[in-house]
Amino acid sequence: KGVQKIVVKKNLTHNIYENYLKSRKECMVTMHQLGSKDHIIRLLRSSKI
């Protein structure tokens, strides 16, 4: 799966994108989302490059 739209909108700026194109340095973002399993709601944290 990819990165949520709100994370891209808030965290990834044009400067970060330009720096990646020039130096190939990856940017880590952390996302939080609600998920449920067996009717138990949990807060899930995932990190993406």
Protein backbone atom coordinates (compact mmCIF):
# COMPACT_ATOMS: atom_id res chain seq x y z
CA LYS A 1 0.00 0.00 0.00
CA GLY A 2 1.03 3.57 -0.48
CA VAL A 3 1.15 6.71 1.61
CA GLN A 4 -2.05 8.45 2.72
CA LYS A 5 -2.94 11.69 0.89
CA ILE A 6 -2.90 13.81 4.06
CA VAL A 7 0.65 12.66 4.87
CA VAL A 8 1.82 13.66 1.39
CA LYS A 9 0.03 17.00 1.66
CA LYS A 10 1.46 17.88 5.10
CA ASN A 11 4.97 16.37 5.03
CA LEU A 12 6.27 16.07 1.48
CA THR A 13 7.22 19.43 0.04
CA HIS A 14 8.69 20.34 -3.32
CA ASN A 15 12.11 20.89 -1.69
CA ILE A 16 12.14 17.34 -0.31
CA TYR A 17 11.22 16.03 -3.77
CA GLU A 18 14.02 18.04 -5.43
CA ASN A 19 16.56 16.83 -2.85
CA TYR A 20 15.54 13.24 -3.54
CA LEU A 21 16.04 13.68 -7.28
CA LYS A 22 19.50 15.18 -6.77
CA SER A 23 20.91 12.98 -4.00
CA ARG A 24 18.60 9.91 -3.93
CA LYS A 25 18.26 10.34 -0.15
CA GLU A 26 15.05 8.64 0.97
CA CYS A 27 12.50 10.29 3.26
CA MET A 28 10.69 8.27 5.95
CA VAL A 29 7.15 9.20 6.96
CA THR A 30 5.09 7.75 9.80
CA MET A 31 1.35 7.27 9.42
CA HIS A 32 -1.32 6.51 12.01
CA GLN A 33 -4.62 4.86 11.16
CA LEU A 34 -7.43 3.07 12.94
CA GLY A 35 -7.97 -0.62 12.30
CA SER A 36 -10.09 -3.36 13.81
CA LYS A 37 -9.61 -7.07 14.27
CA ASP A 38 -12.15 -9.28 16.03
CA HIS A 39 -14.23 -6.17 16.87
CA ILE A 40 -11.32 -4.58 18.75
CA ILE A 41 -10.31 -1.14 17.50
CA ARG A 42 -6.58 -0.43 17.45
CA LEU A 43 -4.31 2.41 16.44
CA LEU A 44 -1.87 1.23 13.78
CA ARG A 45 1.44 2.98 13.16
CA SER A 46 3.36 2.33 9.96
CA SER A 47 6.49 3.85 8.44
CA LYS A 48 7.03 4.20 4.70
CA ILE A 49 9.90 5.37 2.56
